Amino acid sequence: MSITSIRAFAEIQVKLPDRRREVYKAIAENPNSSIYDIADVLGWNLNQVSNRINELVNSGLVEKTGSEIHGKFERDLFSVITDMEKIIAKQRQLYKGFLSAKEDLEADYQNCKTENGRKILKNRIEYYKEKNKEFKMVDLKILVEGWADKKGILEHGKPMKQLLKTLEEITELHAAIEDYNLKEIEDAIGDVVVTLIIYAKMKSITLFPNGSEELSDSKGTAQDPYFLLDNCNKLMQLEKFTNDSVEKYHAVQMMLFLLNQIANRFNLKIWECLHSAYKVISKRKGKMVNGTFVKD
């Protein structure tokens, strides 16, 4: 199992509700198990286990991997999904479902005549808004981490050299802004975010700790790339001279905030910039040279 898969399992377990988390963990530790097997492991009744497994299957985190004959009956066997891109594909389906549900609720809200009904609908709309934002950035973050793992960057890369890559991409962003080239601005923003995601993973810095991406609606006026350069230099100094992980966390978060401000300035969405960058790097070939990934 890859480093990214192990870390992803840990992140998934943290975000799941308590009961579902226990079932997920039991299946991860006992692959190719039936509902009866998991019920025995946890000491729960079959309905409790069955409901939680159905939820995990529908969420794209667990899948049927076979079956076994037990007396006259056939029992399905389940395992956690280890292919992160497969998980993301299922999550994207869920995202589309959440988006459709939000649109339906918004239409109902416009037609609702009672104050209490509108209040209930508004709460449900806000819930789906948060879910939609969560799927955009968190899914892409996992894909970027998976790519970095496959290329050996997480295992063999060096954090300071990763930050030098960040600085290089910020310089390209600065040039794109000076030329007012929107396509290159979008690409450069995405590339900077990619480098920060990889650096954060190297340093075990948790991005988007609340489980949803909060940058897309943030407001501010720090839209000049000079602010970004200043914070990148600060982060490099922290990396070189201190082990203070809290300071590094805040520096990375500030850079993401500033990138979002720049994206807003040009009517771009930061997650769309990241998606564009991932589509490019996912096809990229190269090798590690002295702690740095060098593309062919």
Protein backbone atom coordinates (compact mmCIF):
# COMPACT_ATOMS: atom_id res chain seq x y z
CA MET A 1 0.00 0.00 0.00
CA SER A 2 1.40 3.42 -0.94
CA ILE A 3 2.26 6.17 1.55
CA THR A 4 -0.55 8.30 0.12
CA SER A 5 -3.12 5.50 0.52
CA ILE A 6 -2.17 4.99 4.17
CA ARG A 7 -2.41 8.73 4.87
CA ALA A 8 -5.67 8.98 2.94
CA PHE A 9 -7.20 6.19 5.03
CA ALA A 10 -6.25 8.11 8.18
CA GLU A 11 -7.82 11.32 6.82
CA ILE A 12 -10.99 9.48 5.76
CA GLN A 13 -11.39 7.90 9.19
CA VAL A 14 -11.09 11.27 10.93
CA LYS A 15 -13.86 12.77 8.78
CA LEU A 16 -16.35 9.89 9.06
CA PRO A 17 -19.10 9.83 11.71
CA ASP A 18 -18.19 7.66 14.71
CA ARG A 19 -20.15 4.51 13.85
CA ARG A 20 -19.19 4.57 10.19
CA ARG A 21 -15.55 5.17 11.14
CA GLU A 22 -15.49 2.04 13.32
CA VAL A 23 -16.91 -0.10 10.51
CA TYR A 24 -14.47 1.40 7.98
CA LYS A 25 -11.54 0.65 10.27
CA ALA A 26 -12.74 -2.92 10.88
CA ILE A 27 -13.03 -3.58 7.13
CA ALA A 28 -9.59 -2.02 6.50
CA GLU A 29 -8.09 -4.36 9.09
CA ASN A 30 -10.09 -7.38 7.86
CA PRO A 31 -10.34 -7.23 4.04
CA ASN A 32 -12.70 -9.54 2.16
CA SER A 33 -15.03 -9.76 5.15
CA SER A 34 -18.77 -10.30 5.21
CA ILE A 35 -21.30 -8.31 7.19
CA TYR A 36 -21.39 -11.22 9.64
CA ASP A 37 -17.60 -11.12 10.06
CA ILE A 38 -17.60 -7.39 10.80
CA ALA A 39 -20.54 -7.78 13.20
CA ASP A 40 -18.52 -10.39 15.11
CA VAL A 41 -15.43 -8.16 15.20
CA LEU A 42 -17.36 -5.16 16.53
CA GLY A 43 -19.93 -7.01 18.62
CA TRP A 44 -22.79 -5.21 16.88
CA ASN A 45 -26.07 -6.50 15.48
CA LEU A 46 -26.30 -7.16 11.75
CA ASN A 47 -28.58 -4.21 10.95
CA GLN A 48 -26.13 -1.72 12.48
CA VAL A 49 -23.25 -3.11 10.43
CA SER A 50 -25.29 -3.51 7.24
CA ASN A 51 -26.49 0.11 7.31
CA ARG A 52 -22.99 1.48 7.85
CA ILE A 53 -21.50 -0.70 5.08
CA ASN A 54 -24.20 0.45 2.65
CA GLU A 55 -23.32 4.06 3.47
CA LEU A 56 -19.60 3.39 2.91
CA VAL A 57 -20.29 1.63 -0.40
CA ASN A 58 -22.49 4.51 -1.57
CA SER A 59 -19.73 6.95 -0.59
CA GLY A 60 -17.18 5.13 -2.73
CA LEU A 61 -14.97 4.14 0.21
CA VAL A 62 -15.79 0.41 0.37
CA GLU A 63 -16.57 -2.05 -2.41
CA LYS A 64 -17.79 -5.60 -2.87
CA THR A 65 -14.77 -7.82 -3.61
CA GLY A 66 -16.37 -11.26 -3.84
CA SER A 67 -18.75 -13.65 -2.15
CA GLU A 68 -18.74 -16.89 -0.18
CA ILE A 69 -21.21 -19.72 0.29
CA HIS A 70 -22.37 -20.23 3.85
CA GLY A 71 -24.80 -23.12 4.06
CA LYS A 72 -27.63 -22.37 1.64
CA PHE A 73 -26.81 -18.68 1.45
CA GLU A 74 -24.32 -16.53 -0.40
CA ARG A 75 -22.64 -13.75 1.52
CA ASP A 76 -21.05 -10.67 -0.06
CA LEU A 77 -17.47 -9.83 0.93
CA PHE A 78 -16.22 -6.25 1.31
CA SER A 79 -12.89 -4.40 1.36
CA VAL A 80 -11.88 -0.76 1.53
CA ILE A 81 -10.98 0.79 -1.83
CA THR A 82 -7.21 1.32 -2.15
CA ASP A 83 -7.24 3.13 -5.51
CA MET A 84 -7.50 6.81 -4.59
CA GLU A 85 -8.53 7.88 -8.10
CA LYS A 86 -11.38 5.37 -7.92
CA ILE A 87 -12.49 6.98 -4.66
CA ILE A 88 -12.31 10.42 -6.25
CA ALA A 89 -14.39 9.27 -9.25
CA LYS A 90 -17.15 8.14 -6.89
CA GLN A 91 -16.84 11.32 -4.86
CA ARG A 92 -17.28 13.37 -8.03
CA GLN A 93 -20.52 11.51 -8.71
CA LEU A 94 -21.62 12.45 -5.21
CA TYR A 95 -20.61 16.05 -5.87
CA LYS A 96 -22.85 16.14 -8.95
CA GLY A 97 -25.67 14.72 -6.84
CA PHE A 98 -25.14 17.38 -4.17
CA LEU A 99 -25.11 20.08 -6.86
CA SER A 100 -28.38 18.82 -8.35
CA ALA A 101 -29.97 18.59 -4.88
CA LYS A 102 -28.91 22.17 -4.08
CA GLU A 103 -30.47 23.45 -7.31
CA ASP A 104 -33.73 21.62 -6.55
CA LEU A 105 -33.80 23.05 -3.02
CA GLU A 106 -33.16 26.56 -4.32
CA ALA A 107 -36.13 26.22 -6.66
CA ASP A 108 -38.28 24.97 -3.75
CA TYR A 109 -37.06 27.91 -1.63
CA GLN A 110 -38.27 30.40 -4.23
CA ASN A 111 -41.71 28.78 -4.32
CA CYS A 112 -42.07 28.20 -0.56
CA LYS A 113 -44.70 30.44 1.07
CA THR A 114 -44.05 29.77 4.78
CA GLU A 115 -41.30 31.31 6.88
CA ASN A 116 -40.52 28.05 8.68
CA GLY A 117 -40.35 26.13 5.42
CA ARG A 118 -37.97 28.67 3.89
CA LYS A 119 -35.78 28.49 7.00
CA ILE A 120 -35.53 24.70 6.74
CA LEU A 121 -34.78 24.86 3.01
CA LYS A 122 -32.15 27.56 3.55
CA ASN A 123 -30.35 25.37 6.10
CA ARG A 124 -30.34 22.44 3.66
CA ILE A 125 -29.05 24.68 0.85
CA GLU A 126 -26.18 25.86 3.08
CA TYR A 127 -25.38 22.22 3.90
CA TYR A 128 -25.06 21.33 0.21
CA LYS A 129 -23.01 24.45 -0.48
CA GLU A 130 -20.47 23.30 2.11
CA LYS A 131 -20.45 19.78 0.67
CA ASN A 132 -19.86 21.11 -2.84
CA LYS A 133 -16.88 23.23 -1.72
CA GLU A 134 -15.43 20.29 0.19
CA PHE A 135 -15.43 18.01 -2.85
CA LYS A 136 -13.73 20.55 -5.08
CA MET A 137 -10.48 21.18 -3.21
CA VAL A 138 -10.08 18.13 -0.96
CA ASP A 139 -10.48 15.66 -3.86
CA LEU A 140 -7.93 17.52 -5.96
CA LYS A 141 -5.54 17.71 -3.01
CA ILE A 142 -5.63 13.91 -2.64
CA LEU A 143 -4.99 13.48 -6.38
CA VAL A 144 -1.98 15.82 -6.26
CA GLU A 145 -0.61 13.96 -3.23
CA GLY A 146 -1.10 10.66 -5.04
CA TRP A 147 0.82 11.96 -8.07
CA ALA A 148 3.67 13.19 -5.86
CA ASP A 149 3.79 9.82 -4.12
CA LYS A 150 3.97 7.89 -7.41
CA LYS A 151 6.76 10.13 -8.70
CA GLY A 152 8.81 9.60 -5.54
CA ILE A 153 8.61 13.26 -4.51
CA LEU A 154 7.18 12.58 -1.04
CA GLU A 155 9.79 9.93 -0.30
CA HIS A 156 12.89 11.45 -1.89
CA GLY A 157 12.09 15.16 -2.22
CA LYS A 158 13.49 17.86 0.04
CA PRO A 159 11.17 20.50 1.55
CA MET A 160 13.50 23.44 0.85
CA LYS A 161 13.84 22.44 -2.80
CA GLN A 162 10.08 22.15 -2.97
CA LEU A 163 9.82 25.74 -1.74
CA LEU A 164 12.33 26.82 -4.37
CA LYS A 165 9.90 25.30 -6.88
CA THR A 166 7.13 27.33 -5.26
CA LEU A 167 9.21 30.49 -5.66
CA GLU A 168 9.84 29.66 -9.33
CA GLU A 169 6.11 29.23 -9.98
CA ILE A 170 5.32 32.51 -8.18
CA THR A 171 7.81 34.26 -10.45
CA GLU A 172 5.99 32.82 -13.48
CA LEU A 173 2.69 34.01 -12.01
CA HIS A 174 4.14 37.50 -11.60
CA ALA A 175 5.23 37.51 -15.28
CA ALA A 176 1.80 36.28 -16.42
CA ILE A 177 0.10 39.08 -14.48
CA GLU A 178 2.43 41.69 -15.96
CA ASP A 179 1.52 40.39 -19.44
CA TYR A 180 -2.16 40.10 -18.46
CA ASN A 181 -2.26 36.58 -19.92
CA LEU A 182 -5.32 35.00 -18.27
CA LYS A 183 -4.54 31.44 -19.39
CA GLU A 184 -1.02 31.63 -18.00
CA ILE A 185 -2.32 33.26 -14.81
CA GLU A 186 -4.72 30.35 -14.31
CA ASP A 187 -1.94 27.81 -14.98
CA ALA A 188 0.53 29.58 -12.68
CA ILE A 189 -1.93 29.86 -9.78
CA GLY A 190 -2.63 26.13 -10.07
CA ASP A 191 1.08 25.31 -10.24
CA VAL A 192 1.81 27.30 -7.07
CA VAL A 193 -1.02 25.51 -5.24
CA VAL A 194 0.40 22.15 -6.38
CA THR A 195 3.81 22.97 -4.91
CA LEU A 196 2.24 24.07 -1.62
CA ILE A 197 0.13 20.90 -1.35
CA ILE A 198 3.25 18.78 -1.82
CA TYR A 199 5.28 20.84 0.67
CA ALA A 200 2.46 20.59 3.22
CA LYS A 201 2.34 16.82 2.78
CA MET A 202 6.11 16.56 3.26
CA LYS A 203 5.83 18.51 6.52
CA SER A 204 2.61 16.80 7.71
CA ILE A 205 0.79 20.14 7.61
CA THR A 206 -2.98 19.65 7.43
CA LEU A 207 -4.57 21.81 4.76
CA PHE A 208 -8.30 22.64 4.95
CA PRO A 209 -8.56 21.28 8.55
CA ASN A 210 -12.29 21.95 8.81
CA GLY A 211 -13.02 19.39 6.11
CA SER A 212 -14.15 21.95 3.54
CA GLU A 213 -12.34 24.47 1.41
CA GLU A 214 -12.94 27.93 2.82
CA LEU A 215 -10.97 29.97 0.31
CA SER A 216 -13.52 30.28 -2.48
CA ASP A 217 -15.73 32.76 -0.63
CA SER A 218 -12.98 34.70 1.15
CA LYS A 219 -12.83 38.45 0.61
CA GLY A 220 -9.86 40.80 0.70
CA THR A 221 -7.69 43.22 -1.21
CA ALA A 222 -4.28 41.48 -1.07
CA GLN A 223 -4.24 40.86 -4.81
CA ASP A 224 -0.64 41.82 -5.61
CA PRO A 225 1.89 39.00 -6.19
CA TYR A 226 4.46 40.91 -4.11
CA PHE A 227 2.54 39.84 -0.97
CA LEU A 228 2.86 36.26 -2.19
CA LEU A 229 6.62 36.62 -2.74
CA ASP A 230 7.05 38.08 0.74
CA ASN A 231 5.22 35.17 2.35
CA CYS A 232 7.13 32.61 0.29
CA ASN A 233 10.41 34.14 1.50
CA LYS A 234 9.11 34.03 5.07
CA LEU A 235 8.22 30.35 4.71
CA MET A 236 11.68 29.58 3.31
CA GLN A 237 13.28 31.31 6.31
CA LEU A 238 11.07 29.30 8.66
CA GLU A 239 12.04 26.09 6.88
CA LYS A 240 15.73 26.89 7.15
CA PHE A 241 15.92 28.23 10.70
CA THR A 242 13.07 26.77 12.77
CA ASN A 243 11.08 23.61 13.43
CA ASP A 244 7.96 25.57 14.41
CA SER A 245 5.24 23.68 12.53
CA VAL A 246 2.52 26.12 13.65
CA GLU A 247 4.29 29.07 12.04
CA LYS A 248 4.79 27.07 8.84
CA TYR A 249 1.12 26.08 8.83
CA HIS A 250 0.03 29.71 9.09
CA ALA A 251 2.49 30.75 6.35
CA VAL A 252 1.12 28.11 3.95
CA GLN A 253 -2.47 29.04 4.75
CA MET A 254 -1.70 32.72 4.16
CA MET A 255 -0.18 31.92 0.77
CA LEU A 256 -3.29 29.99 -0.22
CA PHE A 257 -5.42 32.92 0.91
CA LEU A 258 -3.31 35.33 -1.17
CA LEU A 259 -3.52 33.04 -4.21
CA ASN A 260 -7.27 33.07 -3.86
CA GLN A 261 -7.28 36.87 -3.77
CA ILE A 262 -5.27 36.95 -6.99
CA ALA A 263 -7.66 34.44 -8.57
CA ASN A 264 -10.63 36.61 -7.53
CA ARG A 265 -8.96 39.62 -9.12
CA PHE A 266 -9.11 37.89 -12.51
CA ASN A 267 -12.53 36.26 -11.97
CA LEU A 268 -10.97 32.81 -11.55
CA LYS A 269 -11.78 30.05 -9.07
CA ILE A 270 -8.76 28.68 -7.21
CA TRP A 271 -10.02 25.10 -7.39
CA GLU A 272 -10.44 25.41 -11.16
CA CYS A 273 -6.83 26.63 -11.40
CA LEU A 274 -5.72 23.61 -9.37
CA HIS A 275 -7.79 21.27 -11.53
CA SER A 276 -6.18 22.70 -14.66
CA ALA A 277 -2.70 22.23 -13.18
CA TYR A 278 -3.44 18.65 -12.13
CA LYS A 279 -4.60 17.71 -15.62
CA VAL A 280 -1.17 18.81 -16.89
CA ILE A 281 1.03 17.18 -14.24
CA SER A 282 -0.94 13.91 -14.26
CA LYS A 283 0.45 13.28 -17.76
CA ARG A 284 3.95 14.51 -16.93
CA LYS A 285 6.93 12.16 -16.98
CA GLY A 286 10.24 12.75 -15.27
CA LYS A 287 12.60 11.61 -12.51
CA MET A 288 13.99 12.69 -9.17
CA VAL A 289 17.39 14.43 -9.31
CA ASN A 290 19.02 15.54 -6.03
CA GLY A 291 15.71 15.91 -4.21
CA THR A 292 13.88 17.66 -7.07
CA PHE A 293 11.46 16.25 -9.65
CA VAL A 294 12.82 17.07 -13.11
CA LYS A 295 10.32 16.67 -15.95
CA ASP A 296 11.39 15.06 -19.23
